[in-house]
Amino acid sequence: MGAVNRPEPALWITLVAIPVNAGLAYVLIYGGFGLPALDLMGAGLATALVDVGMCAAAIWIAYTRHPSRSTACSGASGDPTGRCSPSWWRSACRSRARCCWSTGCLRPPRC
């Protein structure tokens, strides 16, 4: 996510995962809610479960909010290939929208 200049989802996933990991580790280390005390094994299990959850959340966000699914250019230039006209680039610079090309989505050049 950082490679495509979108670090916000990773930040929020991490901020949610920290207290979840702490709570789950406490429950699994000392026992609670009817679970046996697992000591060090509980700490490792809690961390592994939270890491898998973080990975699943990142994949889910990447697929549901993928920029190439954006249709910001649809009909903007009238070009059937979906390429953006120079006037669209100028308006995209003002709105910070993305331009969808046949090769993927790109941000407009520096404005």
Protein backbone atom coordinates (compact mmCIF):
# COMPACT_ATOMS: atom_id res chain seq x y z
CA MET A 1 0.00 0.00 0.00
CA GLY A 2 2.89 2.32 0.63
CA ALA A 3 4.25 1.63 -2.85
CA VAL A 4 1.11 3.06 -4.43
CA ASN A 5 1.10 6.06 -2.08
CA ARG A 6 -1.83 4.76 0.01
CA PRO A 7 -0.47 4.25 3.56
CA GLU A 8 -3.72 5.09 5.37
CA PRO A 9 -5.26 1.58 5.26
CA ALA A 10 -2.09 0.02 6.64
CA LEU A 11 -2.07 2.58 9.45
CA TRP A 12 -5.67 1.84 10.44
CA ILE A 13 -5.16 -1.92 10.22
CA THR A 14 -2.15 -1.62 12.52
CA LEU A 15 -3.93 0.67 14.97
CA VAL A 16 -6.78 -1.83 15.28
CA ALA A 17 -4.46 -4.84 15.46
CA ILE A 18 -2.40 -3.58 18.43
CA PRO A 19 -5.18 -3.60 21.05
CA VAL A 20 -6.69 -6.77 19.56
CA ASN A 21 -3.31 -8.48 19.87
CA ALA A 22 -2.90 -7.24 23.46
CA GLY A 23 -6.34 -8.44 24.51
CA LEU A 24 -6.10 -11.79 22.75
CA ALA A 25 -2.60 -12.39 24.09
CA TYR A 26 -3.74 -11.63 27.64
CA VAL A 27 -6.66 -14.04 27.34
CA LEU A 28 -4.56 -16.80 25.81
CA ILE A 29 -1.55 -16.37 28.11
CA TYR A 30 -3.43 -16.24 31.42
CA GLY A 31 -6.59 -18.06 30.42
CA GLY A 32 -9.98 -16.48 30.31
CA PHE A 33 -13.47 -16.93 28.91
CA GLY A 34 -13.18 -20.64 29.60
CA LEU A 35 -9.88 -21.04 27.72
CA PRO A 36 -6.89 -22.71 29.37
CA ALA A 37 -3.77 -20.70 30.20
CA LEU A 38 -1.30 -21.34 27.39
CA ASP A 39 1.61 -19.18 28.61
CA LEU A 40 4.19 -18.58 25.87
CA MET A 41 2.24 -20.70 23.37
CA GLY A 42 -0.74 -18.38 23.90
CA ALA A 43 1.35 -15.31 23.10
CA GLY A 44 2.60 -16.87 19.89
CA LEU A 45 -0.87 -18.05 18.92
CA ALA A 46 -2.38 -14.61 19.53
CA THR A 47 0.30 -12.90 17.45
CA ALA A 48 -0.07 -15.41 14.63
CA LEU A 49 -3.87 -15.01 14.57
CA VAL A 50 -3.64 -11.22 14.54
CA ASP A 51 -0.99 -11.29 11.79
CA VAL A 52 -3.22 -13.50 9.62
CA GLY A 53 -6.11 -11.13 10.28
CA MET A 54 -3.98 -8.12 9.31
CA CYS A 55 -2.96 -9.83 6.09
CA ALA A 56 -6.56 -10.74 5.29
CA ALA A 57 -7.70 -7.16 5.98
CA ALA A 58 -4.97 -5.72 3.75
CA ILE A 59 -5.85 -8.09 0.91
CA TRP A 60 -9.55 -7.31 1.31
CA ILE A 61 -8.90 -3.56 1.21
CA ALA A 62 -6.57 -3.92 -1.77
CA TYR A 63 -9.18 -5.80 -3.77
CA THR A 64 -12.24 -3.79 -2.78
CA ARG A 65 -10.59 -0.37 -3.13
CA HIS A 66 -8.31 -1.12 -6.08
CA PRO A 67 -7.71 2.07 -8.08
CA SER A 68 -7.92 0.34 -11.47
CA ARG A 69 -11.59 -0.34 -10.79
CA SER A 70 -12.14 3.41 -10.82
CA THR A 71 -13.99 4.82 -13.79
CA ALA A 72 -13.10 8.46 -13.29
CA CYS A 73 -12.34 8.86 -17.00
CA SER A 74 -15.46 7.21 -18.35
CA GLY A 75 -16.89 9.53 -20.91
CA ALA A 76 -14.64 12.38 -19.81
CA SER A 77 -12.71 12.54 -23.04
CA GLY A 78 -15.06 10.73 -25.39
CA ASP A 79 -12.19 8.47 -26.43
CA PRO A 80 -13.28 4.80 -26.60
CA THR A 81 -9.86 3.70 -25.32
CA GLY A 82 -10.48 5.52 -22.05
CA ARG A 83 -7.48 7.82 -22.49
CA CYS A 84 -7.78 11.25 -20.98
CA SER A 85 -7.70 14.45 -22.90
CA PRO A 86 -5.43 17.32 -21.80
CA SER A 87 -8.46 19.23 -20.54
CA TRP A 88 -9.36 16.26 -18.34
CA TRP A 89 -5.84 16.31 -16.88
CA ARG A 90 -6.31 19.94 -15.88
CA SER A 91 -9.63 19.23 -14.16
CA ALA A 92 -8.15 16.11 -12.55
CA CYS A 93 -5.37 18.24 -11.09
CA ARG A 94 -7.96 20.41 -9.45
CA SER A 95 -10.00 17.51 -8.06
CA ARG A 96 -7.07 15.13 -7.41
CA ALA A 97 -8.97 12.43 -9.32
CA ARG A 98 -7.28 9.50 -11.01
CA CYS A 99 -7.07 8.90 -14.73
CA CYS A 100 -7.72 5.37 -15.95
CA TRP A 101 -5.62 4.32 -18.90
CA SER A 102 -5.69 0.97 -20.58
CA THR A 103 -2.48 0.10 -18.72
CA GLY A 104 -3.86 0.96 -15.28
CA CYS A 105 -4.54 4.03 -13.21
CA LEU A 106 -2.18 6.93 -12.85
CA ARG A 107 -2.35 10.12 -10.89
CA PRO A 108 -2.33 13.29 -12.94
CA PRO A 109 1.02 15.01 -13.35
CA ARG A 110 2.07 17.65 -10.85
CA CYS A 111 -0.22 20.63 -11.13
